[in-house]
Amino acid sequence: MINNFVRHISHILLKPDWTKFYKVHRMVLKIKEPHITRPMYKRYDRIIKAGKYSIPVRIYPQRDSNTTMIYIHGGGWATENINTYNKTCKNLSIHCKSTVIAIDYSLSPENKFPQATRECYIVVQSILKKMKKVGKKVILIGDSAGGNLCAVVSLMSRDRNALMPNRQILLYPVTYYDYTENSPFKSVHENATDYILTSKRMQEYVTLYANDRKDFINPYFSPLCAKDFSNQPDTLIITAQFDPLRDEGEYFGKMLLKANNNVTIIRMKDVMHGFFVHDRKAMLETYKLINRYIDF
């Protein structure tokens, strides 16, 4: 009840201009972060180092699991962290009987593009090397901006002839950059104002994340700007009916299909952006979809 109230107040406070009020939202998130000194489940915090990078990760182990999920959280690249996503990742591990490793990447605007992409790529490649040695499957999964980073890491891995995840799961992912009246996607206009995520807020998110407008058309910023969609991992894309990101996520899936990848696109009805974190009924349905999908 308190968390819902705090979330509601944060939406009201931040409605005017997200580029100025993201710090206030982070403070609100800090208030409602779970502070568990002795969790009732096992989890381990680690640091993955590579050159100048030191990236925190949190591990939710599942004994005898043949799959490891690497989770990249949402929040417009500017908010949220592994603490605010602690419950989401814990429940994902339990319901899907899979080890989950969550990445705590650096946030914008203090760390603009491509900092988050580089950090996520480093972590994913490090985990892939370890898991491949022991014969375990690796699934990349993320929501919203995290879905964007999953898609980007897969494209980047292909481009660099690096190791690839076995599958990727993109939950209402960000795949484009234009949320103005010029957007080519119908859902940006249909779902612009009346739901949790507005088109205005999305435009403010991409503005916070980008160094300049040139970044917008970089495929590692906007995956739909890629010229080559081939040789990508099997992909499950789940979108929300009442979400400005709905159509761009589904169109990204169609581009992957056109390039002869194995893709499943599912639109969840009567739900809004963020359902995997905030809507219990939709969350449970998503676990079922994921379990069917990862049943190798």
C-alpha atoms as a PDB file:
ATOM      1  CA  MET A   1       0.000   0.000   0.000  1.00  0.00           C
ATOM      2  CA  ILE A   2       2.771   2.447   0.973  1.00  0.00           C
ATOM      3  CA  ASN A   3       4.856   1.492  -2.051  1.00  0.00           C
ATOM      4  CA  ASN A   4       1.896   2.103  -4.376  1.00  0.00           C
ATOM      5  CA  PHE A   5       1.307   5.502  -2.757  1.00  0.00           C
ATOM      6  CA  VAL A   6       4.975   6.452  -3.078  1.00  0.00           C
ATOM      7  CA  ARG A   7       4.998   5.341  -6.723  1.00  0.00           C
ATOM      8  CA  HIS A   8       1.856   7.380  -7.408  1.00  0.00           C
ATOM      9  CA  ILE A   9       3.320  10.500  -5.799  1.00  0.00           C
ATOM     10  CA  SER A  10       6.553  10.073  -7.742  1.00  0.00           C
ATOM     11  CA  HIS A  11       4.621  10.027 -11.036  1.00  0.00           C
ATOM     12  CA  ILE A  12       2.878  13.278 -10.087  1.00  0.00           C
ATOM     13  CA  LEU A  13       6.071  15.001  -8.991  1.00  0.00           C
ATOM     14  CA  LEU A  14       8.005  14.005 -12.055  1.00  0.00           C
ATOM     15  CA  LYS A  15       5.355  14.662 -14.675  1.00  0.00           C
ATOM     16  CA  PRO A  16       6.563  18.166 -15.704  1.00  0.00           C
ATOM     17  CA  ASP A  17      10.078  17.388 -16.990  1.00  0.00           C
ATOM     18  CA  TRP A  18      11.903  14.112 -16.360  1.00  0.00           C
ATOM     19  CA  THR A  19      15.250  15.587 -17.470  1.00  0.00           C
ATOM     20  CA  LYS A  20      15.139  17.835 -14.406  1.00  0.00           C
ATOM     21  CA  PHE A  21      13.420  15.583 -11.850  1.00  0.00           C
ATOM     22  CA  TYR A  22      15.059  12.170 -12.353  1.00  0.00           C
ATOM     23  CA  LYS A  23      17.134  12.722  -9.197  1.00  0.00           C
ATOM     24  CA  VAL A  24      13.958  13.231  -7.162  1.00  0.00           C
ATOM     25  CA  HIS A  25      12.626   9.957  -8.509  1.00  0.00           C
ATOM     26  CA  ARG A  26      15.841   8.196  -7.511  1.00  0.00           C
ATOM     27  CA  MET A  27      15.345   9.540  -3.971  1.00  0.00           C
ATOM     28  CA  VAL A  28      11.796   8.171  -3.934  1.00  0.00           C
ATOM     29  CA  LEU A  29      13.069   4.793  -5.139  1.00  0.00           C
ATOM     30  CA  LYS A  30      15.672   4.846  -2.375  1.00  0.00           C
ATOM     31  CA  ILE A  31      12.924   5.260   0.210  1.00  0.00           C
ATOM     32  CA  LYS A  32      11.031   2.198  -1.020  1.00  0.00           C
ATOM     33  CA  GLU A  33      14.105   0.027  -1.684  1.00  0.00           C
ATOM     34  CA  PRO A  34      13.983  -3.261   0.209  1.00  0.00           C
ATOM     35  CA  HIS A  35      16.473  -3.247   3.074  1.00  0.00           C
ATOM     36  CA  ILE A  36      16.936  -6.914   3.884  1.00  0.00           C
ATOM     37  CA  THR A  37      19.897  -7.656   6.118  1.00  0.00           C
ATOM     38  CA  ARG A  38      19.252 -11.401   6.283  1.00  0.00           C
ATOM     39  CA  PRO A  39      17.295 -12.468   3.197  1.00  0.00           C
ATOM     40  CA  MET A  40      15.242 -15.646   3.367  1.00  0.00           C
ATOM     41  CA  TYR A  41      16.829 -16.784   0.101  1.00  0.00           C
ATOM     42  CA  LYS A  42      20.409 -16.975  -1.053  1.00  0.00           C
ATOM     43  CA  ARG A  43      21.891 -14.193  -3.104  1.00  0.00           C
ATOM     44  CA  TYR A  44      25.436 -13.063  -3.703  1.00  0.00           C
ATOM     45  CA  ASP A  45      26.800  -9.670  -4.702  1.00  0.00           C
ATOM     46  CA  ARG A  46      29.917  -9.742  -6.864  1.00  0.00           C
ATOM     47  CA  ILE A  47      32.005  -7.393  -9.004  1.00  0.00           C
ATOM     48  CA  ILE A  48      32.989  -8.222 -12.575  1.00  0.00           C
ATOM     49  CA  LYS A  49      36.174  -6.412 -13.593  1.00  0.00           C
ATOM     50  CA  ALA A  50      37.544  -5.799 -17.068  1.00  0.00           C
ATOM     51  CA  GLY A  51      40.160  -3.113 -17.653  1.00  0.00           C
ATOM     52  CA  LYS A  52      38.851   0.149 -16.182  1.00  0.00           C
ATOM     53  CA  TYR A  53      35.386  -1.311 -15.627  1.00  0.00           C
ATOM     54  CA  SER A  54      34.085  -2.676 -12.324  1.00  0.00           C
ATOM     55  CA  ILE A  55      30.457  -3.736 -12.702  1.00  0.00           C
ATOM     56  CA  PRO A  56      28.339  -4.953  -9.765  1.00  0.00           C
ATOM     57  CA  VAL A  57      26.138  -8.008 -10.268  1.00  0.00           C
ATOM     58  CA  ARG A  58      23.762  -9.866  -7.972  1.00  0.00           C
ATOM     59  CA  ILE A  59      23.400 -13.639  -8.251  1.00  0.00           C
ATOM     60  CA  TYR A  60      20.243 -15.578  -7.337  1.00  0.00           C
ATOM     61  CA  PRO A  61      21.371 -19.224  -7.522  1.00  0.00           C
ATOM     62  CA  GLN A  62      19.183 -22.240  -8.251  1.00  0.00           C
ATOM     63  CA  ARG A  63      20.816 -25.593  -7.547  1.00  0.00           C
ATOM     64  CA  ASP A  64      20.799 -28.100 -10.413  1.00  0.00           C
ATOM     65  CA  SER A  65      19.506 -25.503 -12.890  1.00  0.00           C
ATOM     66  CA  ASN A  66      20.687 -25.963 -16.460  1.00  0.00           C
ATOM     67  CA  THR A  67      19.981 -22.332 -17.347  1.00  0.00           C
ATOM     68  CA  THR A  68      21.378 -18.997 -16.271  1.00  0.00           C
ATOM     69  CA  MET A  69      19.364 -15.863 -16.928  1.00  0.00           C
ATOM     70  CA  ILE A  70      21.209 -12.564 -17.176  1.00  0.00           C
ATOM     71  CA  TYR A  71      18.731  -9.846 -16.194  1.00  0.00           C
ATOM     72  CA  ILE A  72      19.111  -6.221 -17.297  1.00  0.00           C
ATOM     73  CA  HIS A  73      16.690  -3.905 -15.503  1.00  0.00           C
ATOM     74  CA  GLY A  74      14.558  -1.105 -16.924  1.00  0.00           C
ATOM     75  CA  GLY A  75      14.183   2.477 -15.792  1.00  0.00           C
ATOM     76  CA  GLY A  76      14.953   4.523 -18.895  1.00  0.00           C
ATOM     77  CA  TRP A  77      18.709   4.027 -18.412  1.00  0.00           C
ATOM     78  CA  ALA A  78      18.391   6.707 -15.697  1.00  0.00           C
ATOM     79  CA  THR A  79      16.647   5.139 -12.683  1.00  0.00           C
ATOM     80  CA  GLU A  80      16.237   1.781 -10.923  1.00  0.00           C
ATOM     81  CA  ASN A  81      18.997  -0.604  -9.832  1.00  0.00           C
ATOM     82  CA  ILE A  82      19.525  -4.158  -8.597  1.00  0.00           C
ATOM     83  CA  ASN A  83      18.017  -3.222  -5.227  1.00  0.00           C
ATOM     84  CA  THR A  84      14.738  -1.935  -6.649  1.00  0.00           C
ATOM     85  CA  TYR A  85      14.651  -5.013  -8.907  1.00  0.00           C
ATOM     86  CA  ASN A  86      15.597  -7.391  -6.101  1.00  0.00           C
ATOM     87  CA  LYS A  87      12.100  -8.857  -5.730  1.00  0.00           C
ATOM     88  CA  THR A  88      11.627  -9.124  -9.504  1.00  0.00           C
ATOM     89  CA  CYS A  89      14.846 -11.091  -9.975  1.00  0.00           C
ATOM     90  CA  LYS A  90      14.275 -13.254  -6.903  1.00  0.00           C
ATOM     91  CA  ASN A  91      10.794 -14.220  -8.086  1.00  0.00           C
ATOM     92  CA  LEU A  92      12.027 -14.848 -11.622  1.00  0.00           C
ATOM     93  CA  SER A  93      14.644 -17.232 -10.246  1.00  0.00           C
ATOM     94  CA  ILE A  94      12.094 -19.071  -8.100  1.00  0.00           C
ATOM     95  CA  HIS A  95       9.240 -19.308 -10.631  1.00  0.00           C
ATOM     96  CA  CYS A  96      11.486 -20.251 -13.553  1.00  0.00           C
ATOM     97  CA  LYS A  97      13.856 -22.458 -11.524  1.00  0.00           C
ATOM     98  CA  SER A  98      16.840 -20.715 -13.048  1.00  0.00           C
ATOM     99  CA  THR A  99      19.909 -18.997 -11.703  1.00  0.00           C
ATOM    100  CA  VAL A 100      19.492 -15.255 -12.302  1.00  0.00           C
ATOM    101  CA  ILE A 101      22.362 -12.778 -12.514  1.00  0.00           C
ATOM    102  CA  ALA A 102      21.297  -9.116 -12.410  1.00  0.00           C
ATOM    103  CA  ILE A 103      23.543  -6.371 -13.806  1.00  0.00           C
ATOM    104  CA  ASP A 104      23.828  -3.044 -11.959  1.00  0.00           C
ATOM    105  CA  TYR A 105      24.962  -0.918 -14.898  1.00  0.00           C
ATOM    106  CA  SER A 106      25.865   2.777 -14.647  1.00  0.00           C
ATOM    107  CA  LEU A 107      22.986   5.201 -15.090  1.00  0.00           C
ATOM    108  CA  SER A 108      22.547   8.253 -17.277  1.00  0.00           C
ATOM    109  CA  PRO A 109      22.854  11.181 -17.505  1.00  0.00           C
ATOM    110  CA  GLU A 110      25.982  10.929 -15.384  1.00  0.00           C
ATOM    111  CA  ASN A 111      27.049   8.020 -17.604  1.00  0.00           C
ATOM    112  CA  LYS A 112      25.682   8.595 -21.068  1.00  0.00           C
ATOM    113  CA  PHE A 113      25.591   6.278 -24.068  1.00  0.00           C
ATOM    114  CA  PRO A 114      27.444   3.971 -24.652  1.00  0.00           C
ATOM    115  CA  GLN A 115      28.543   3.369 -21.040  1.00  0.00           C
ATOM    116  CA  ALA A 116      25.655   1.039 -20.138  1.00  0.00           C
ATOM    117  CA  THR A 117      26.026  -0.950 -23.364  1.00  0.00           C
ATOM    118  CA  ARG A 118      29.734  -1.489 -22.764  1.00  0.00           C
ATOM    119  CA  GLU A 119      29.207  -2.622 -19.186  1.00  0.00           C
ATOM    120  CA  CYS A 120      26.400  -5.023 -20.078  1.00  0.00           C
ATOM    121  CA  TYR A 121      28.429  -6.455 -22.962  1.00  0.00           C
ATOM    122  CA  ILE A 122      31.400  -7.075 -20.652  1.00  0.00           C
ATOM    123  CA  VAL A 123      29.259  -8.852 -18.049  1.00  0.00           C
ATOM    124  CA  VAL A 124      27.406 -10.954 -20.611  1.00  0.00           C
ATOM    125  CA  GLN A 125      30.617 -12.081 -22.300  1.00  0.00           C
ATOM    126  CA  SER A 126      32.226 -12.910 -18.940  1.00  0.00           C
ATOM    127  CA  ILE A 127      29.233 -15.035 -17.883  1.00  0.00           C
ATOM    128  CA  LEU A 128      28.963 -16.708 -21.291  1.00  0.00           C
ATOM    129  CA  LYS A 129      32.578 -17.834 -21.125  1.00  0.00           C
ATOM    130  CA  LYS A 130      32.050 -19.420 -17.711  1.00  0.00           C
ATOM    131  CA  MET A 131      28.684 -21.014 -18.501  1.00  0.00           C
ATOM    132  CA  LYS A 132      29.788 -22.441 -21.861  1.00  0.00           C
ATOM    133  CA  LYS A 133      32.631 -24.265 -20.102  1.00  0.00           C
ATOM    134  CA  VAL A 134      30.197 -26.117 -17.845  1.00  0.00           C
ATOM    135  CA  GLY A 135      27.594 -26.707 -20.568  1.00  0.00           C
ATOM    136  CA  LYS A 136      24.869 -24.414 -19.226  1.00  0.00           C
ATOM    137  CA  LYS A 137      22.424 -22.428 -21.333  1.00  0.00           C
ATOM    138  CA  VAL A 138      22.457 -18.643 -21.065  1.00  0.00           C
ATOM    139  CA  ILE A 139      19.338 -16.530 -21.587  1.00  0.00           C
ATOM    140  CA  LEU A 140      19.482 -12.747 -21.838  1.00  0.00           C
ATOM    141  CA  ILE A 141      16.382 -11.059 -20.415  1.00  0.00           C
ATOM    142  CA  GLY A 142      15.453  -7.455 -19.759  1.00  0.00           C
ATOM    143  CA  ASP A 143      12.504  -5.085 -19.565  1.00  0.00           C
ATOM    144  CA  SER A 144      12.049  -1.675 -21.195  1.00  0.00           C
ATOM    145  CA  ALA A 145      15.491   0.011 -21.326  1.00  0.00           C
ATOM    146  CA  GLY A 146      16.861  -3.329 -20.124  1.00  0.00           C
ATOM    147  CA  GLY A 147      15.239  -4.983 -23.137  1.00  0.00           C
ATOM    148  CA  ASN A 148      16.979  -2.403 -25.284  1.00  0.00           C
ATOM    149  CA  LEU A 149      20.338  -3.296 -23.730  1.00  0.00           C
ATOM    150  CA  CYS A 150      19.705  -7.016 -24.281  1.00  0.00           C
ATOM    151  CA  ALA A 151      18.993  -6.461 -27.970  1.00  0.00           C
ATOM    152  CA  VAL A 152      22.037  -4.201 -28.265  1.00  0.00           C
ATOM    153  CA  VAL A 153      24.350  -6.709 -26.573  1.00  0.00           C
ATOM    154  CA  SER A 154      23.199  -9.421 -28.979  1.00  0.00           C
ATOM    155  CA  LEU A 155      23.822  -7.187 -31.996  1.00  0.00           C
ATOM    156  CA  MET A 156      27.194  -6.157 -30.607  1.00  0.00           C
ATOM    157  CA  SER A 157      28.172  -9.770 -29.898  1.00  0.00           C
ATOM    158  CA  ARG A 158      27.332 -10.727 -33.489  1.00  0.00           C
ATOM    159  CA  ASP A 159      29.276  -7.776 -34.893  1.00  0.00           C
ATOM    160  CA  ARG A 160      32.346  -8.665 -32.824  1.00  0.00           C
ATOM    161  CA  ASN A 161      32.181 -12.402 -33.556  1.00  0.00           C
ATOM    162  CA  ALA A 162      31.857 -12.957 -29.809  1.00  0.00           C
ATOM    163  CA  LEU A 163      29.914 -15.549 -27.839  1.00  0.00           C
ATOM    164  CA  MET A 164      26.131 -15.371 -28.168  1.00  0.00           C
ATOM    165  CA  PRO A 165      23.405 -16.108 -25.603  1.00  0.00           C
ATOM    166  CA  ASN A 166      21.285 -19.146 -26.403  1.00  0.00           C
ATOM    167  CA  ARG A 167      18.103 -17.074 -26.279  1.00  0.00           C
ATOM    168  CA  GLN A 168      16.922 -13.589 -25.413  1.00  0.00           C
ATOM    169  CA  ILE A 169      13.677 -12.406 -23.853  1.00  0.00           C
ATOM    170  CA  LEU A 170      12.705  -8.777 -24.448  1.00  0.00           C
ATOM    171  CA  LEU A 171       9.880  -7.430 -22.281  1.00  0.00           C
ATOM    172  CA  TYR A 172       8.298  -4.270 -23.771  1.00  0.00           C
ATOM    173  CA  PRO A 173      11.732  -3.206 -25.086  1.00  0.00           C
ATOM    174  CA  VAL A 174      12.875   0.227 -26.245  1.00  0.00           C
ATOM    175  CA  THR A 175      14.033  -0.209 -29.843  1.00  0.00           C
ATOM    176  CA  TYR A 176      13.662   3.279 -31.363  1.00  0.00           C
ATOM    177  CA  TYR A 177      14.263   6.916 -30.399  1.00  0.00           C
ATOM    178  CA  ASP A 178      11.373   9.122 -31.560  1.00  0.00           C
ATOM    179  CA  TYR A 179       8.413   9.656 -29.204  1.00  0.00           C
ATOM    180  CA  THR A 180       7.267  12.966 -30.669  1.00  0.00           C
ATOM    181  CA  GLU A 181       4.356  13.653 -33.010  1.00  0.00           C
ATOM    182  CA  ASN A 182       6.697  12.488 -35.805  1.00  0.00           C
ATOM    183  CA  SER A 183       6.946   8.930 -34.527  1.00  0.00           C
ATOM    184  CA  PRO A 184       6.101   6.316 -37.175  1.00  0.00           C
ATOM    185  CA  PHE A 185       4.537   4.040 -34.560  1.00  0.00           C
ATOM    186  CA  LYS A 186       0.823   4.169 -33.851  1.00  0.00           C
ATOM    187  CA  SER A 187       1.181   3.119 -30.203  1.00  0.00           C
ATOM    188  CA  VAL A 188       3.303   6.206 -29.435  1.00  0.00           C
ATOM    189  CA  HIS A 189       0.261   8.329 -30.317  1.00  0.00           C
ATOM    190  CA  GLU A 190      -2.490   6.015 -29.034  1.00  0.00           C
ATOM    191  CA  ASN A 191      -0.887   5.508 -25.632  1.00  0.00           C
ATOM    192  CA  ALA A 192       0.845   8.861 -25.297  1.00  0.00           C
ATOM    193  CA  THR A 193      -0.683  10.254 -22.115  1.00  0.00           C
ATOM    194  CA  ASP A 194      -3.132   8.065 -20.231  1.00  0.00           C
ATOM    195  CA  TYR A 195      -0.901   5.310 -18.879  1.00  0.00           C
ATOM    196  CA  ILE A 196       2.083   4.851 -16.566  1.00  0.00           C
ATOM    197  CA  LEU A 197       4.697   5.540 -19.232  1.00  0.00           C
ATOM    198  CA  THR A 198       3.996   8.558 -21.435  1.00  0.00           C
ATOM    199  CA  SER A 199       5.504   9.409 -24.800  1.00  0.00           C
ATOM    200  CA  LYS A 200       6.773  12.655 -23.308  1.00  0.00           C
ATOM    201  CA  ARG A 201       8.643  10.800 -20.594  1.00  0.00           C
ATOM    202  CA  MET A 202      10.168   8.412 -23.127  1.00  0.00           C
ATOM    203  CA  GLN A 203      11.462  11.367 -25.149  1.00  0.00           C
ATOM    204  CA  GLU A 204      13.001  12.765 -21.973  1.00  0.00           C
ATOM    205  CA  TYR A 205      14.614   9.391 -21.212  1.00  0.00           C
ATOM    206  CA  VAL A 206      16.322   9.188 -24.611  1.00  0.00           C
ATOM    207  CA  THR A 207      17.433  12.811 -24.230  1.00  0.00           C
ATOM    208  CA  LEU A 208      19.061  11.996 -20.893  1.00  0.00           C
ATOM    209  CA  TYR A 209      20.773   8.932 -22.346  1.00  0.00           C
ATOM    210  CA  ALA A 210      22.115  10.434 -25.584  1.00  0.00           C
ATOM    211  CA  ASN A 211      25.142  12.690 -25.938  1.00  0.00           C
ATOM    212  CA  ASP A 212      23.579  14.312 -29.005  1.00  0.00           C
ATOM    213  CA  ARG A 213      21.092  13.520 -31.759  1.00  0.00           C
ATOM    214  CA  LYS A 214      23.688  11.529 -33.688  1.00  0.00           C
ATOM    215  CA  ASP A 215      23.420   8.811 -31.031  1.00  0.00           C
ATOM    216  CA  PHE A 216      19.726   8.304 -31.833  1.00  0.00           C
ATOM    217  CA  ILE A 217      20.434   6.520 -35.123  1.00  0.00           C
ATOM    218  CA  ASN A 218      23.268   4.378 -33.748  1.00  0.00           C
ATOM    219  CA  PRO A 219      22.029   0.739 -33.767  1.00  0.00           C
ATOM    220  CA  TYR A 220      23.580   0.279 -30.332  1.00  0.00           C
ATOM    221  CA  PHE A 221      21.269   3.070 -29.138  1.00  0.00           C
ATOM    222  CA  SER A 222      18.246   2.257 -31.307  1.00  0.00           C
ATOM    223  CA  PRO A 223      18.326  -1.401 -32.450  1.00  0.00           C
ATOM    224  CA  LEU A 224      15.753  -0.685 -35.156  1.00  0.00           C
ATOM    225  CA  CYS A 225      18.387   1.464 -36.887  1.00  0.00           C
ATOM    226  CA  ALA A 226      20.541  -1.605 -37.518  1.00  0.00           C
ATOM    227  CA  LYS A 227      21.208  -2.477 -41.150  1.00  0.00           C
ATOM    228  CA  ASP A 228      21.653  -6.171 -40.409  1.00  0.00           C
ATOM    229  CA  PHE A 229      19.284  -8.193 -38.198  1.00  0.00           C
ATOM    230  CA  SER A 230      20.675 -11.620 -39.047  1.00  0.00           C
ATOM    231  CA  ASN A 231      22.332 -14.214 -36.802  1.00  0.00           C
ATOM    232  CA  GLN A 232      20.573 -13.234 -33.618  1.00  0.00           C
ATOM    233  CA  PRO A 233      19.629 -15.592 -30.785  1.00  0.00           C
ATOM    234  CA  ASP A 234      16.151 -17.119 -30.649  1.00  0.00           C
ATOM    235  CA  THR A 235      14.003 -14.294 -29.336  1.00  0.00           C
ATOM    236  CA  LEU A 236      10.818 -13.953 -27.289  1.00  0.00           C
ATOM    237  CA  ILE A 237       9.285 -10.473 -27.340  1.00  0.00           C
ATOM    238  CA  ILE A 238       6.400  -9.662 -24.994  1.00  0.00           C
ATOM    239  CA  THR A 239       4.682  -6.286 -25.358  1.00  0.00           C
ATOM    240  CA  ALA A 240       1.871  -4.498 -23.519  1.00  0.00           C
ATOM    241  CA  GLN A 241      -1.363  -3.385 -25.169  1.00  0.00           C
ATOM    242  CA  PHE A 242      -1.449   0.043 -23.504  1.00  0.00           C
ATOM    243  CA  ASP A 243       2.189   1.019 -23.914  1.00  0.00           C
ATOM    244  CA  PRO A 244       3.770   3.622 -26.220  1.00  0.00           C
ATOM    245  CA  LEU A 245       6.595   1.099 -26.813  1.00  0.00           C
ATOM    246  CA  ARG A 246       4.252  -1.645 -28.035  1.00  0.00           C
ATOM    247  CA  ASP A 247       4.591  -1.226 -31.794  1.00  0.00           C
ATOM    248  CA  GLU A 248       8.339  -0.617 -31.934  1.00  0.00           C
ATOM    249  CA  GLY A 249       8.979  -3.768 -29.899  1.00  0.00           C
ATOM    250  CA  GLU A 250       6.789  -5.831 -32.201  1.00  0.00           C
ATOM    251  CA  TYR A 251       8.326  -4.266 -35.308  1.00  0.00           C
ATOM    252  CA  PHE A 252      11.798  -5.172 -34.047  1.00  0.00           C
ATOM    253  CA  GLY A 253      10.592  -8.757 -33.790  1.00  0.00           C
ATOM    254  CA  LYS A 254       9.316  -8.612 -37.365  1.00  0.00           C
ATOM    255  CA  MET A 255      12.695  -7.349 -38.578  1.00  0.00           C
ATOM    256  CA  LEU A 256      14.397 -10.259 -36.798  1.00  0.00           C
ATOM    257  CA  LEU A 257      11.925 -12.656 -38.428  1.00  0.00           C
ATOM    258  CA  LYS A 258      12.563 -11.130 -41.830  1.00  0.00           C
ATOM    259  CA  ALA A 259      16.275 -11.862 -41.311  1.00  0.00           C
ATOM    260  CA  ASN A 260      15.467 -15.570 -40.736  1.00  0.00           C
ATOM    261  CA  ASN A 261      15.786 -15.614 -36.957  1.00  0.00           C
ATOM    262  CA  ASN A 262      13.473 -17.644 -34.717  1.00  0.00           C
ATOM    263  CA  VAL A 263      11.163 -15.131 -33.049  1.00  0.00           C
ATOM    264  CA  THR A 264       7.995 -15.321 -30.973  1.00  0.00           C
ATOM    265  CA  ILE A 265       6.003 -12.098 -30.478  1.00  0.00           C
ATOM    266  CA  ILE A 266       3.277 -11.974 -27.831  1.00  0.00           C
ATOM    267  CA  ARG A 267       1.111  -8.967 -26.972  1.00  0.00           C
ATOM    268  CA  MET A 268      -0.283  -9.033 -23.442  1.00  0.00           C
ATOM    269  CA  LYS A 269      -3.831  -7.672 -23.448  1.00  0.00           C
ATOM    270  CA  ASP A 270      -5.241  -5.100 -21.012  1.00  0.00           C
ATOM    271  CA  VAL A 271      -1.887  -4.288 -19.424  1.00  0.00           C
ATOM    272  CA  MET A 272       0.404  -1.262 -19.304  1.00  0.00           C
ATOM    273  CA  HIS A 273       4.138  -0.731 -19.471  1.00  0.00           C
ATOM    274  CA  GLY A 274       5.932  -2.218 -16.474  1.00  0.00           C
ATOM    275  CA  PHE A 275       3.492  -5.097 -15.920  1.00  0.00           C
ATOM    276  CA  PHE A 276       6.324  -7.543 -15.199  1.00  0.00           C
ATOM    277  CA  VAL A 277       7.213  -5.515 -12.115  1.00  0.00           C
ATOM    278  CA  HIS A 278       3.872  -4.055 -10.976  1.00  0.00           C
ATOM    279  CA  ASP A 279       1.016  -6.302 -12.175  1.00  0.00           C
ATOM    280  CA  ARG A 280       0.922  -9.613 -10.291  1.00  0.00           C
ATOM    281  CA  LYS A 281      -1.606 -11.322 -12.570  1.00  0.00           C
ATOM    282  CA  ALA A 282       0.332 -10.398 -15.711  1.00  0.00           C
ATOM    283  CA  MET A 283       3.566 -11.268 -13.955  1.00  0.00           C
ATOM    284  CA  LEU A 284       2.421 -14.825 -13.245  1.00  0.00           C
ATOM    285  CA  GLU A 285       1.258 -15.226 -16.834  1.00  0.00           C
ATOM    286  CA  THR A 286       4.661 -14.017 -18.021  1.00  0.00           C
ATOM    287  CA  TYR A 287       6.416 -16.646 -15.889  1.00  0.00           C
ATOM    288  CA  LYS A 288       4.361 -19.301 -17.679  1.00  0.00           C
ATOM    289  CA  LEU A 289       5.313 -17.906 -21.075  1.00  0.00           C
ATOM    290  CA  ILE A 290       8.977 -17.757 -20.106  1.00  0.00           C
ATOM    291  CA  ASN A 291       8.970 -21.289 -18.726  1.00  0.00           C
ATOM    292  CA  ARG A 292       7.510 -22.650 -21.934  1.00  0.00           C
ATOM    293  CA  TYR A 293      10.048 -20.696 -23.928  1.00  0.00           C
ATOM    294  CA  ILE A 294      13.145 -21.774 -21.965  1.00  0.00           C
ATOM    295  CA  ASP A 295      12.190 -25.450 -21.905  1.00  0.00           C
ATOM    296  CA  PHE A 296      15.116 -26.541 -24.080  1.00  0.00           C
END
